[in-house]
Amino acid sequence: MAIKLIIFDLDGTLADSLGDLTDATNHIRAAFARPQLLPHEVRKLVGQGARRLVERALSGASAEEVEQGLQLFLAYNDAHIADKTGLYPAVEETLGLLKAQGRQMAVISNKNVALCRKLLSVLGVDNYFATIIGADSLPFRKPSPEPVLKLLRDLKTTAKEAAIVGDSINDIAAGRSAGIMTVGCSYGYGEAAEIATADYRIDAFSDLLRLPLFKNNLP
């Protein structure tokens, strides 16, 4: 059956935001008199949402300190949403070609939804997506399949007609549990083992167009 709906992760899949995430993380670490982290260290903290990132960045902190750190992180990230963030190569062109094929597209991210919307707007690609679901949109987030299942219901799409594209185990696990096709991005923030069980793997975003799933226009 043809793939009518493509679900994308955001950070590490559509956009390379590691520079801004590193700055936001070091902003809160400085506030708590902790040494700065390098980008490759912050990369290991990304993927489970802002609260989990802050908990890990402030390891050993009290619940009150984590809450303070979370508010600092979100405010800084909002104010510096795309200082260093950009789309990966050929993302906008590829989205345009997929849209021209007649496919619907959506985003499911573990970033707060307001930040997702703002970042996609600043990067100029928000108009490609029918729906954007963030970490605070639902009681559950990836790797739970619930955001995917809700999206399928809302867009009246069957599991056999959908695929998810992402760089981490959260994306692949959510997709597999929801019964949809999975595409792992090797260029993102996840380790190779995290996308090992994906149905397909791509090394660049434009490789999507070479997959048998997306080669032809929808009838």
C-alpha atoms as a PDB file:
ATOM      1  CA  MET A   1       0.000   0.000   0.000  1.00  0.00           C
ATOM      2  CA  ALA A   2       1.255   3.510  -0.823  1.00  0.00           C
ATOM      3  CA  ILE A   3       2.634   5.724   1.941  1.00  0.00           C
ATOM      4  CA  LYS A   4       0.286   8.702   2.242  1.00  0.00           C
ATOM      5  CA  LEU A   5       1.572  10.159   5.524  1.00  0.00           C
ATOM      6  CA  ILE A   6       5.193  10.809   6.516  1.00  0.00           C
ATOM      7  CA  ILE A   7       5.888  11.675  10.157  1.00  0.00           C
ATOM      8  CA  PHE A   8       9.156  13.440  10.933  1.00  0.00           C
ATOM      9  CA  ASP A   9      11.149  13.944  14.090  1.00  0.00           C
ATOM     10  CA  LEU A  10      12.557  17.485  14.382  1.00  0.00           C
ATOM     11  CA  ASP A  11      15.918  17.791  16.160  1.00  0.00           C
ATOM     12  CA  GLY A  12      18.507  15.577  14.503  1.00  0.00           C
ATOM     13  CA  THR A  13      16.201  14.772  11.585  1.00  0.00           C
ATOM     14  CA  LEU A  14      14.907  17.961   9.956  1.00  0.00           C
ATOM     15  CA  ALA A  15      17.119  20.453  11.785  1.00  0.00           C
ATOM     16  CA  ASP A  16      20.602  20.453  13.262  1.00  0.00           C
ATOM     17  CA  SER A  17      19.957  22.279  16.528  1.00  0.00           C
ATOM     18  CA  LEU A  18      22.862  20.927  18.565  1.00  0.00           C
ATOM     19  CA  GLY A  19      24.620  24.305  18.757  1.00  0.00           C
ATOM     20  CA  ASP A  20      21.617  26.042  20.299  1.00  0.00           C
ATOM     21  CA  LEU A  21      20.830  23.096  22.571  1.00  0.00           C
ATOM     22  CA  THR A  22      24.435  23.166  23.782  1.00  0.00           C
ATOM     23  CA  ASP A  23      24.211  26.893  24.519  1.00  0.00           C
ATOM     24  CA  ALA A  24      20.914  26.455  26.385  1.00  0.00           C
ATOM     25  CA  THR A  25      22.352  23.576  28.400  1.00  0.00           C
ATOM     26  CA  ASN A  26      25.469  25.526  29.306  1.00  0.00           C
ATOM     27  CA  HIS A  27      23.303  28.514  30.252  1.00  0.00           C
ATOM     28  CA  ILE A  28      21.631  26.499  32.995  1.00  0.00           C
ATOM     29  CA  ARG A  29      24.867  24.827  34.058  1.00  0.00           C
ATOM     30  CA  ALA A  30      26.458  28.253  34.487  1.00  0.00           C
ATOM     31  CA  ALA A  31      23.501  29.320  36.631  1.00  0.00           C
ATOM     32  CA  PHE A  32      24.244  26.407  38.954  1.00  0.00           C
ATOM     33  CA  ALA A  33      28.029  26.923  38.883  1.00  0.00           C
ATOM     34  CA  ARG A  34      28.717  23.780  36.885  1.00  0.00           C
ATOM     35  CA  PRO A  35      31.395  23.449  34.191  1.00  0.00           C
ATOM     36  CA  GLN A  36      30.459  23.851  30.553  1.00  0.00           C
ATOM     37  CA  LEU A  37      29.763  20.852  28.325  1.00  0.00           C
ATOM     38  CA  LEU A  38      31.001  20.291  24.794  1.00  0.00           C
ATOM     39  CA  PRO A  39      28.527  19.654  21.948  1.00  0.00           C
ATOM     40  CA  HIS A  40      29.313  15.939  21.771  1.00  0.00           C
ATOM     41  CA  GLU A  41      28.473  15.672  25.485  1.00  0.00           C
ATOM     42  CA  VAL A  42      25.168  17.517  25.084  1.00  0.00           C
ATOM     43  CA  ARG A  43      24.336  15.326  22.102  1.00  0.00           C
ATOM     44  CA  LYS A  44      24.067  12.375  24.491  1.00  0.00           C
ATOM     45  CA  LEU A  45      21.467  14.252  26.566  1.00  0.00           C
ATOM     46  CA  VAL A  46      19.110  15.040  23.675  1.00  0.00           C
ATOM     47  CA  GLY A  47      15.999  13.101  22.697  1.00  0.00           C
ATOM     48  CA  GLN A  48      13.874  12.606  25.807  1.00  0.00           C
ATOM     49  CA  GLY A  49      12.486  16.122  26.071  1.00  0.00           C
ATOM     50  CA  ALA A  50      13.607  19.266  27.886  1.00  0.00           C
ATOM     51  CA  ARG A  51      12.892  18.093  31.439  1.00  0.00           C
ATOM     52  CA  ARG A  52      14.909  14.914  31.025  1.00  0.00           C
ATOM     53  CA  LEU A  53      17.757  16.878  29.424  1.00  0.00           C
ATOM     54  CA  VAL A  54      17.813  19.275  32.381  1.00  0.00           C
ATOM     55  CA  GLU A  55      17.696  16.413  34.888  1.00  0.00           C
ATOM     56  CA  ARG A  56      20.701  14.831  33.220  1.00  0.00           C
ATOM     57  CA  ALA A  57      22.549  18.127  32.755  1.00  0.00           C
ATOM     58  CA  LEU A  58      22.049  18.912  36.465  1.00  0.00           C
ATOM     59  CA  SER A  59      22.647  15.403  37.748  1.00  0.00           C
ATOM     60  CA  GLY A  60      22.125  15.219  41.501  1.00  0.00           C
ATOM     61  CA  ALA A  61      20.074  18.426  41.638  1.00  0.00           C
ATOM     62  CA  SER A  62      16.965  18.694  43.798  1.00  0.00           C
ATOM     63  CA  ALA A  63      13.485  18.688  42.275  1.00  0.00           C
ATOM     64  CA  GLU A  64      13.270  22.441  42.909  1.00  0.00           C
ATOM     65  CA  GLU A  65      16.596  23.046  41.164  1.00  0.00           C
ATOM     66  CA  VAL A  66      15.516  20.928  38.193  1.00  0.00           C
ATOM     67  CA  GLU A  67      12.329  22.976  37.893  1.00  0.00           C
ATOM     68  CA  GLN A  68      14.321  26.217  38.035  1.00  0.00           C
ATOM     69  CA  GLY A  69      16.749  24.838  35.471  1.00  0.00           C
ATOM     70  CA  LEU A  70      13.898  23.758  33.198  1.00  0.00           C
ATOM     71  CA  GLN A  71      12.369  27.231  33.162  1.00  0.00           C
ATOM     72  CA  LEU A  72      15.787  28.774  32.450  1.00  0.00           C
ATOM     73  CA  PHE A  73      16.400  26.274  29.663  1.00  0.00           C
ATOM     74  CA  LEU A  74      13.030  26.821  27.985  1.00  0.00           C
ATOM     75  CA  ALA A  75      13.284  30.605  28.200  1.00  0.00           C
ATOM     76  CA  TYR A  76      16.814  30.615  26.774  1.00  0.00           C
ATOM     77  CA  ASN A  77      15.911  28.173  24.007  1.00  0.00           C
ATOM     78  CA  ASP A  78      12.879  30.279  23.086  1.00  0.00           C
ATOM     79  CA  ALA A  79      14.965  33.470  22.923  1.00  0.00           C
ATOM     80  CA  HIS A  80      17.737  31.786  20.903  1.00  0.00           C
ATOM     81  CA  ILE A  81      15.660  29.270  18.950  1.00  0.00           C
ATOM     82  CA  ALA A  82      17.717  29.437  15.759  1.00  0.00           C
ATOM     83  CA  ASP A  83      20.898  31.371  16.514  1.00  0.00           C
ATOM     84  CA  LYS A  84      22.926  28.379  15.337  1.00  0.00           C
ATOM     85  CA  THR A  85      20.198  26.024  14.114  1.00  0.00           C
ATOM     86  CA  GLY A  86      19.586  25.279  10.459  1.00  0.00           C
ATOM     87  CA  LEU A  87      17.917  22.696   8.283  1.00  0.00           C
ATOM     88  CA  TYR A  88      20.006  19.750   7.204  1.00  0.00           C
ATOM     89  CA  PRO A  89      21.072  19.874   3.538  1.00  0.00           C
ATOM     90  CA  ALA A  90      18.252  19.522   0.986  1.00  0.00           C
ATOM     91  CA  VAL A  91      15.486  19.333   3.609  1.00  0.00           C
ATOM     92  CA  GLU A  92      13.273  22.046   2.138  1.00  0.00           C
ATOM     93  CA  GLU A  93      13.743  20.833  -1.429  1.00  0.00           C
ATOM     94  CA  THR A  94      12.946  17.250  -0.427  1.00  0.00           C
ATOM     95  CA  LEU A  95       9.857  18.290   1.538  1.00  0.00           C
ATOM     96  CA  GLY A  96       8.673  20.191  -1.517  1.00  0.00           C
ATOM     97  CA  LEU A  97       9.087  17.153  -3.750  1.00  0.00           C
ATOM     98  CA  LEU A  98       7.306  14.881  -1.266  1.00  0.00           C
ATOM     99  CA  LYS A  99       4.444  17.367  -1.045  1.00  0.00           C
ATOM    100  CA  ALA A 100       4.275  17.511  -4.842  1.00  0.00           C
ATOM    101  CA  GLN A 101       3.879  13.721  -4.836  1.00  0.00           C
ATOM    102  CA  GLY A 102       0.650  14.229  -2.890  1.00  0.00           C
ATOM    103  CA  ARG A 103       1.857  13.059   0.519  1.00  0.00           C
ATOM    104  CA  GLN A 104       0.760  14.513   3.846  1.00  0.00           C
ATOM    105  CA  MET A 105       3.485  15.314   6.354  1.00  0.00           C
ATOM    106  CA  ALA A 106       3.546  15.883  10.102  1.00  0.00           C
ATOM    107  CA  VAL A 107       6.032  16.357  12.942  1.00  0.00           C
ATOM    108  CA  ILE A 108       6.158  14.468  16.233  1.00  0.00           C
ATOM    109  CA  SER A 109       8.890  15.757  18.531  1.00  0.00           C
ATOM    110  CA  ASN A 110       9.869  15.457  22.180  1.00  0.00           C
ATOM    111  CA  LYS A 111      10.501  19.224  22.137  1.00  0.00           C
ATOM    112  CA  ASN A 112       7.700  21.377  23.596  1.00  0.00           C
ATOM    113  CA  VAL A 113       5.159  22.111  20.876  1.00  0.00           C
ATOM    114  CA  ALA A 114       5.437  25.917  21.049  1.00  0.00           C
ATOM    115  CA  LEU A 115       9.185  25.652  20.451  1.00  0.00           C
ATOM    116  CA  CYS A 116       8.573  23.206  17.589  1.00  0.00           C
ATOM    117  CA  ARG A 117       6.173  25.611  15.912  1.00  0.00           C
ATOM    118  CA  LYS A 118       8.481  28.572  16.415  1.00  0.00           C
ATOM    119  CA  LEU A 119      11.551  26.771  15.086  1.00  0.00           C
ATOM    120  CA  LEU A 120       9.783  25.392  12.017  1.00  0.00           C
ATOM    121  CA  SER A 121       8.375  28.850  11.299  1.00  0.00           C
ATOM    122  CA  VAL A 122      11.758  30.563  11.658  1.00  0.00           C
ATOM    123  CA  LEU A 123      13.295  27.943   9.362  1.00  0.00           C
ATOM    124  CA  GLY A 124      10.519  28.566   6.833  1.00  0.00           C
ATOM    125  CA  VAL A 125       9.123  25.033   6.579  1.00  0.00           C
ATOM    126  CA  ASP A 126       6.118  25.064   8.925  1.00  0.00           C
ATOM    127  CA  ASN A 127       3.697  25.199   5.981  1.00  0.00           C
ATOM    128  CA  TYR A 128       4.687  21.689   4.886  1.00  0.00           C
ATOM    129  CA  PHE A 129       3.170  20.007   7.945  1.00  0.00           C
ATOM    130  CA  ALA A 130      -0.498  19.225   8.512  1.00  0.00           C
ATOM    131  CA  THR A 131       0.037  18.655  12.238  1.00  0.00           C
ATOM    132  CA  ILE A 132       2.781  19.289  14.791  1.00  0.00           C
ATOM    133  CA  ILE A 133       2.793  17.295  18.035  1.00  0.00           C
ATOM    134  CA  GLY A 134       5.244  18.155  20.815  1.00  0.00           C
ATOM    135  CA  ALA A 135       6.248  16.709  24.170  1.00  0.00           C
ATOM    136  CA  ASP A 136       3.513  18.642  25.979  1.00  0.00           C
ATOM    137  CA  SER A 137       0.732  17.991  23.447  1.00  0.00           C
ATOM    138  CA  LEU A 138      -0.324  14.676  25.000  1.00  0.00           C
ATOM    139  CA  PRO A 139       0.135  12.744  28.262  1.00  0.00           C
ATOM    140  CA  PHE A 140       2.519  10.407  26.401  1.00  0.00           C
ATOM    141  CA  ARG A 141       5.509  11.069  24.161  1.00  0.00           C
ATOM    142  CA  LYS A 142       7.892   8.981  22.074  1.00  0.00           C
ATOM    143  CA  PRO A 143       8.896   6.149  22.444  1.00  0.00           C
ATOM    144  CA  SER A 144       5.214   5.617  23.275  1.00  0.00           C
ATOM    145  CA  PRO A 145       3.216   4.900  20.112  1.00  0.00           C
ATOM    146  CA  GLU A 146       0.342   7.075  21.371  1.00  0.00           C
ATOM    147  CA  PRO A 147       1.348  10.291  19.528  1.00  0.00           C
ATOM    148  CA  VAL A 148       1.621   8.295  16.295  1.00  0.00           C
ATOM    149  CA  LEU A 149      -1.701   6.537  16.849  1.00  0.00           C
ATOM    150  CA  LYS A 150      -3.454   9.838  17.600  1.00  0.00           C
ATOM    151  CA  LEU A 151      -2.025  11.328  14.426  1.00  0.00           C
ATOM    152  CA  LEU A 152      -3.278   8.378  12.389  1.00  0.00           C
ATOM    153  CA  ARG A 153      -6.753   8.802  13.864  1.00  0.00           C
ATOM    154  CA  ASP A 154      -6.816  12.564  13.371  1.00  0.00           C
ATOM    155  CA  LEU A 155      -5.650  12.367   9.760  1.00  0.00           C
ATOM    156  CA  LYS A 156      -7.778   9.290   9.008  1.00  0.00           C
ATOM    157  CA  THR A 157      -4.778   7.278   7.872  1.00  0.00           C
ATOM    158  CA  THR A 158      -4.118   3.568   8.391  1.00  0.00           C
ATOM    159  CA  ALA A 159      -0.847   2.259   9.801  1.00  0.00           C
ATOM    160  CA  LYS A 160      -0.026   0.671   6.436  1.00  0.00           C
ATOM    161  CA  GLU A 161      -0.222   4.106   4.808  1.00  0.00           C
ATOM    162  CA  ALA A 162       2.240   5.828   7.172  1.00  0.00           C
ATOM    163  CA  ALA A 163       5.964   6.009   7.870  1.00  0.00           C
ATOM    164  CA  ILE A 164       8.073   7.744  10.512  1.00  0.00           C
ATOM    165  CA  VAL A 165      11.509   9.250   9.884  1.00  0.00           C
ATOM    166  CA  GLY A 166      13.842   9.887  12.810  1.00  0.00           C
ATOM    167  CA  ASP A 167      17.342   9.588  14.211  1.00  0.00           C
ATOM    168  CA  SER A 168      16.772   7.878  17.563  1.00  0.00           C
ATOM    169  CA  ILE A 169      15.386   4.789  19.242  1.00  0.00           C
ATOM    170  CA  ASN A 170      12.417   6.910  20.356  1.00  0.00           C
ATOM    171  CA  ASP A 171      11.292   7.363  16.750  1.00  0.00           C
ATOM    172  CA  ILE A 172      11.911   3.789  15.664  1.00  0.00           C
ATOM    173  CA  ALA A 173      10.283   2.286  18.770  1.00  0.00           C
ATOM    174  CA  ALA A 174       7.223   4.544  18.484  1.00  0.00           C
ATOM    175  CA  GLY A 175       6.814   3.679  14.820  1.00  0.00           C
ATOM    176  CA  ARG A 176       7.251  -0.058  15.249  1.00  0.00           C
ATOM    177  CA  SER A 177       4.822  -0.168  18.181  1.00  0.00           C
ATOM    178  CA  ALA A 178       2.264   1.737  16.100  1.00  0.00           C
ATOM    179  CA  GLY A 179       2.718  -0.672  13.197  1.00  0.00           C
ATOM    180  CA  ILE A 180       4.024   1.851  10.659  1.00  0.00           C
ATOM    181  CA  MET A 181       7.130   1.817   8.470  1.00  0.00           C
ATOM    182  CA  THR A 182      10.292   3.236  10.029  1.00  0.00           C
ATOM    183  CA  VAL A 183      13.212   5.127   8.494  1.00  0.00           C
ATOM    184  CA  GLY A 184      16.346   5.762  10.563  1.00  0.00           C
ATOM    185  CA  CYS A 185      18.585   8.780   9.921  1.00  0.00           C
ATOM    186  CA  SER A 186      22.259   7.967  10.445  1.00  0.00           C
ATOM    187  CA  TYR A 187      23.285  11.646  10.218  1.00  0.00           C
ATOM    188  CA  GLY A 188      21.382  12.690  13.370  1.00  0.00           C
ATOM    189  CA  TYR A 189      22.137  12.543  17.091  1.00  0.00           C
ATOM    190  CA  GLY A 190      21.334   8.909  17.841  1.00  0.00           C
ATOM    191  CA  GLU A 191      23.876   6.110  17.894  1.00  0.00           C
ATOM    192  CA  ALA A 192      23.895   3.584  15.041  1.00  0.00           C
ATOM    193  CA  ALA A 193      22.435   0.903  17.316  1.00  0.00           C
ATOM    194  CA  GLU A 194      19.376   3.072  17.968  1.00  0.00           C
ATOM    195  CA  ILE A 195      18.194   2.848  14.363  1.00  0.00           C
ATOM    196  CA  ALA A 196      19.398  -0.700  13.708  1.00  0.00           C
ATOM    197  CA  THR A 197      15.854  -2.105  13.716  1.00  0.00           C
ATOM    198  CA  ALA A 198      14.443   0.496  11.308  1.00  0.00           C
ATOM    199  CA  ASP A 199      12.934  -0.808   8.072  1.00  0.00           C
ATOM    200  CA  TYR A 200      15.153   1.567   6.099  1.00  0.00           C
ATOM    201  CA  ARG A 201      18.186   3.738   6.830  1.00  0.00           C
ATOM    202  CA  ILE A 202      19.242   6.977   5.149  1.00  0.00           C
ATOM    203  CA  ASP A 203      22.586   8.774   5.361  1.00  0.00           C
ATOM    204  CA  ALA A 204      21.249  12.107   4.070  1.00  0.00           C
ATOM    205  CA  PHE A 205      17.754  13.600   4.093  1.00  0.00           C
ATOM    206  CA  SER A 206      17.505  13.630   0.303  1.00  0.00           C
ATOM    207  CA  ASP A 207      18.012   9.843   0.324  1.00  0.00           C
ATOM    208  CA  LEU A 208      14.310   9.595   1.204  1.00  0.00           C
ATOM    209  CA  LEU A 209      13.498  10.096  -2.461  1.00  0.00           C
ATOM    210  CA  ARG A 210      15.545   7.016  -3.373  1.00  0.00           C
ATOM    211  CA  LEU A 211      13.581   4.717  -1.084  1.00  0.00           C
ATOM    212  CA  PRO A 212      10.952   2.510  -2.738  1.00  0.00           C
ATOM    213  CA  LEU A 213       8.412   3.990  -0.308  1.00  0.00           C
ATOM    214  CA  PHE A 214       8.631   7.444  -1.863  1.00  0.00           C
ATOM    215  CA  LYS A 215       9.812   6.977  -5.443  1.00  0.00           C
ATOM    216  CA  ASN A 216       6.488   7.516  -7.158  1.00  0.00           C
ATOM    217  CA  ASN A 217       3.663  10.039  -7.013  1.00  0.00           C
ATOM    218  CA  LEU A 218       0.497   8.965  -5.266  1.00  0.00           C
ATOM    219  CA  PRO A 219      -2.279   7.898  -7.657  1.00  0.00           C
END
